[in-house]
Amino acid sequence: MDGKTLARIVAVIFAAVAVTATALEMSRKENKSAGQGSRTPAGSMPNPLRDSLRRCQVLGEAALRNDGCARLWAEQRDRFLGLEKPTASSPREPAIQQSPAATPEAR
């Protein structure tokens, strides 16, 4: 058997495996979506934290100077990292201080 024939056989086998894997994956997704029709997707439920974070995202660079956005980002970061919320007796995080160059009056 020469090299060209062997290469063609390997290519045909590879293509057959790829087509089979694709067909199996497509059939699995159809079965999952049919069984989940009664559940409400998480994205459609109202989430005030997510809505506020979207508002800060829309603000763009101005959100860096917004104390509310800084608090939201800190809350989201702590939630993501699994940190406990500070208790009433523990000191709160210091406020983020702005540099004089970042204020509109300095420009």
C-alpha atoms as a PDB file:
ATOM      1  CA  MET A   1       0.000   0.000   0.000  1.00  0.00           C
ATOM      2  CA  ASP A   2       1.485   3.310  -1.012  1.00  0.00           C
ATOM      3  CA  GLY A   3       1.395   6.578   0.977  1.00  0.00           C
ATOM      4  CA  LYS A   4      -1.357   8.252  -1.053  1.00  0.00           C
ATOM      5  CA  THR A   5      -3.810   5.412  -0.513  1.00  0.00           C
ATOM      6  CA  LEU A   6      -3.077   5.300   3.209  1.00  0.00           C
ATOM      7  CA  ALA A   7      -3.560   9.073   3.482  1.00  0.00           C
ATOM      8  CA  ARG A   8      -6.921   8.849   1.687  1.00  0.00           C
ATOM      9  CA  ILE A   9      -8.120   6.066   3.975  1.00  0.00           C
ATOM     10  CA  VAL A  10      -7.122   8.059   7.068  1.00  0.00           C
ATOM     11  CA  ALA A  11      -8.875  11.178   5.693  1.00  0.00           C
ATOM     12  CA  VAL A  12     -12.092   9.245   4.995  1.00  0.00           C
ATOM     13  CA  ILE A  13     -12.056   7.699   8.477  1.00  0.00           C
ATOM     14  CA  PHE A  14     -11.457  11.124  10.058  1.00  0.00           C
ATOM     15  CA  ALA A  15     -14.314  12.679   8.078  1.00  0.00           C
ATOM     16  CA  ALA A  16     -16.641   9.817   9.068  1.00  0.00           C
ATOM     17  CA  VAL A  17     -15.788  10.234  12.756  1.00  0.00           C
ATOM     18  CA  ALA A  18     -16.311  14.003  12.541  1.00  0.00           C
ATOM     19  CA  VAL A  19     -19.707  13.649  10.865  1.00  0.00           C
ATOM     20  CA  THR A  20     -20.802  11.018  13.392  1.00  0.00           C
ATOM     21  CA  ALA A  21     -19.714  13.152  16.371  1.00  0.00           C
ATOM     22  CA  THR A  22     -21.523  16.172  14.942  1.00  0.00           C
ATOM     23  CA  ALA A  23     -24.720  14.196  14.398  1.00  0.00           C
ATOM     24  CA  LEU A  24     -24.611  12.827  17.954  1.00  0.00           C
ATOM     25  CA  GLU A  25     -24.020  16.271  19.443  1.00  0.00           C
ATOM     26  CA  MET A  26     -26.859  17.822  17.467  1.00  0.00           C
ATOM     27  CA  SER A  27     -29.264  15.103  18.590  1.00  0.00           C
ATOM     28  CA  ARG A  28     -28.318  15.631  22.247  1.00  0.00           C
ATOM     29  CA  LYS A  29     -29.041  19.355  22.105  1.00  0.00           C
ATOM     30  CA  GLU A  30     -32.476  18.720  20.629  1.00  0.00           C
ATOM     31  CA  ASN A  31     -33.355  16.315  23.442  1.00  0.00           C
ATOM     32  CA  LYS A  32     -32.233  18.771  26.142  1.00  0.00           C
ATOM     33  CA  SER A  33     -34.169  21.694  24.726  1.00  0.00           C
ATOM     34  CA  ALA A  34     -37.371  19.645  24.453  1.00  0.00           C
ATOM     35  CA  GLY A  35     -37.190  18.624  28.134  1.00  0.00           C
ATOM     36  CA  GLN A  36     -36.567  22.131  29.427  1.00  0.00           C
ATOM     37  CA  GLY A  37     -39.617  23.800  27.921  1.00  0.00           C
ATOM     38  CA  SER A  38     -41.425  24.184  31.255  1.00  0.00           C
ATOM     39  CA  ARG A  39     -38.540  25.879  33.079  1.00  0.00           C
ATOM     40  CA  THR A  40     -38.082  29.649  33.035  1.00  0.00           C
ATOM     41  CA  PRO A  41     -34.612  30.663  31.812  1.00  0.00           C
ATOM     42  CA  ALA A  42     -32.495  32.478  34.382  1.00  0.00           C
ATOM     43  CA  GLY A  43     -31.939  35.398  32.011  1.00  0.00           C
ATOM     44  CA  SER A  44     -35.646  36.290  31.900  1.00  0.00           C
ATOM     45  CA  MET A  45     -36.016  36.643  35.676  1.00  0.00           C
ATOM     46  CA  PRO A  46     -35.521  40.208  36.986  1.00  0.00           C
ATOM     47  CA  ASN A  47     -32.197  40.736  38.735  1.00  0.00           C
ATOM     48  CA  PRO A  48     -31.713  44.216  40.241  1.00  0.00           C
ATOM     49  CA  LEU A  49     -27.955  43.725  40.733  1.00  0.00           C
ATOM     50  CA  ARG A  50     -27.482  42.751  37.091  1.00  0.00           C
ATOM     51  CA  ASP A  51     -29.625  45.677  35.921  1.00  0.00           C
ATOM     52  CA  SER A  52     -27.576  48.099  38.020  1.00  0.00           C
ATOM     53  CA  LEU A  53     -24.320  46.656  36.716  1.00  0.00           C
ATOM     54  CA  ARG A  54     -25.607  47.076  33.151  1.00  0.00           C
ATOM     55  CA  ARG A  55     -26.398  50.721  33.935  1.00  0.00           C
ATOM     56  CA  CYS A  56     -22.838  51.215  35.171  1.00  0.00           C
ATOM     57  CA  GLN A  57     -21.525  49.508  32.055  1.00  0.00           C
ATOM     58  CA  VAL A  58     -23.463  51.937  29.869  1.00  0.00           C
ATOM     59  CA  LEU A  59     -21.991  54.897  31.791  1.00  0.00           C
ATOM     60  CA  GLY A  60     -18.558  53.915  30.534  1.00  0.00           C
ATOM     61  CA  GLU A  61     -15.661  55.907  31.954  1.00  0.00           C
ATOM     62  CA  ALA A  62     -18.001  58.068  34.042  1.00  0.00           C
ATOM     63  CA  ALA A  63     -18.803  54.971  36.139  1.00  0.00           C
ATOM     64  CA  LEU A  64     -15.270  55.119  37.557  1.00  0.00           C
ATOM     65  CA  ARG A  65     -16.234  58.318  39.400  1.00  0.00           C
ATOM     66  CA  ASN A  66     -19.660  57.026  40.484  1.00  0.00           C
ATOM     67  CA  ASP A  67     -19.730  55.831  44.115  1.00  0.00           C
ATOM     68  CA  GLY A  68     -22.798  53.674  43.489  1.00  0.00           C
ATOM     69  CA  CYS A  69     -21.034  51.780  40.711  1.00  0.00           C
ATOM     70  CA  ALA A  70     -17.965  51.280  42.899  1.00  0.00           C
ATOM     71  CA  ARG A  71     -20.165  49.749  45.614  1.00  0.00           C
ATOM     72  CA  LEU A  72     -21.925  47.523  43.084  1.00  0.00           C
ATOM     73  CA  TRP A  73     -18.622  46.296  41.668  1.00  0.00           C
ATOM     74  CA  ALA A  74     -17.324  45.582  45.166  1.00  0.00           C
ATOM     75  CA  GLU A  75     -20.489  43.638  45.993  1.00  0.00           C
ATOM     76  CA  GLN A  76     -20.258  41.658  42.756  1.00  0.00           C
ATOM     77  CA  ARG A  77     -16.554  40.958  43.330  1.00  0.00           C
ATOM     78  CA  ASP A  78     -17.211  39.724  46.873  1.00  0.00           C
ATOM     79  CA  ARG A  79     -20.100  37.588  45.646  1.00  0.00           C
ATOM     80  CA  PHE A  80     -17.932  36.110  42.907  1.00  0.00           C
ATOM     81  CA  LEU A  81     -15.060  35.370  45.292  1.00  0.00           C
ATOM     82  CA  GLY A  82     -17.407  33.910  47.913  1.00  0.00           C
ATOM     83  CA  LEU A  83     -16.429  36.426  50.587  1.00  0.00           C
ATOM     84  CA  GLU A  84     -18.766  37.036  53.486  1.00  0.00           C
ATOM     85  CA  LYS A  85     -20.564  40.352  53.767  1.00  0.00           C
ATOM     86  CA  PRO A  86     -19.067  42.652  56.402  1.00  0.00           C
ATOM     87  CA  THR A  87     -20.838  42.615  59.742  1.00  0.00           C
ATOM     88  CA  ALA A  88     -22.054  45.774  61.443  1.00  0.00           C
ATOM     89  CA  SER A  89     -19.085  45.744  63.855  1.00  0.00           C
ATOM     90  CA  SER A  90     -16.430  45.413  61.155  1.00  0.00           C
ATOM     91  CA  PRO A  91     -15.090  48.550  59.500  1.00  0.00           C
ATOM     92  CA  ARG A  92     -16.391  49.321  56.043  1.00  0.00           C
ATOM     93  CA  GLU A  93     -14.131  49.568  53.034  1.00  0.00           C
ATOM     94  CA  PRO A  94     -12.538  52.974  52.634  1.00  0.00           C
ATOM     95  CA  ALA A  95     -14.053  55.141  49.941  1.00  0.00           C
ATOM     96  CA  ILE A  96     -12.221  55.215  46.652  1.00  0.00           C
ATOM     97  CA  GLN A  97     -10.463  58.548  46.436  1.00  0.00           C
ATOM     98  CA  GLN A  98     -10.284  60.305  43.119  1.00  0.00           C
ATOM     99  CA  SER A  99      -7.102  61.845  41.883  1.00  0.00           C
ATOM    100  CA  PRO A 100      -7.245  65.583  41.267  1.00  0.00           C
ATOM    101  CA  ALA A 101      -6.623  64.988  37.549  1.00  0.00           C
ATOM    102  CA  ALA A 102      -9.787  62.865  37.326  1.00  0.00           C
ATOM    103  CA  THR A 103     -12.104  65.643  38.465  1.00  0.00           C
ATOM    104  CA  PRO A 104     -13.642  67.906  35.817  1.00  0.00           C
ATOM    105  CA  GLU A 105     -12.542  71.068  37.680  1.00  0.00           C
ATOM    106  CA  ALA A 106      -8.839  70.182  37.264  1.00  0.00           C
ATOM    107  CA  ARG A 107      -9.066  70.145  33.475  1.00  0.00           C
END
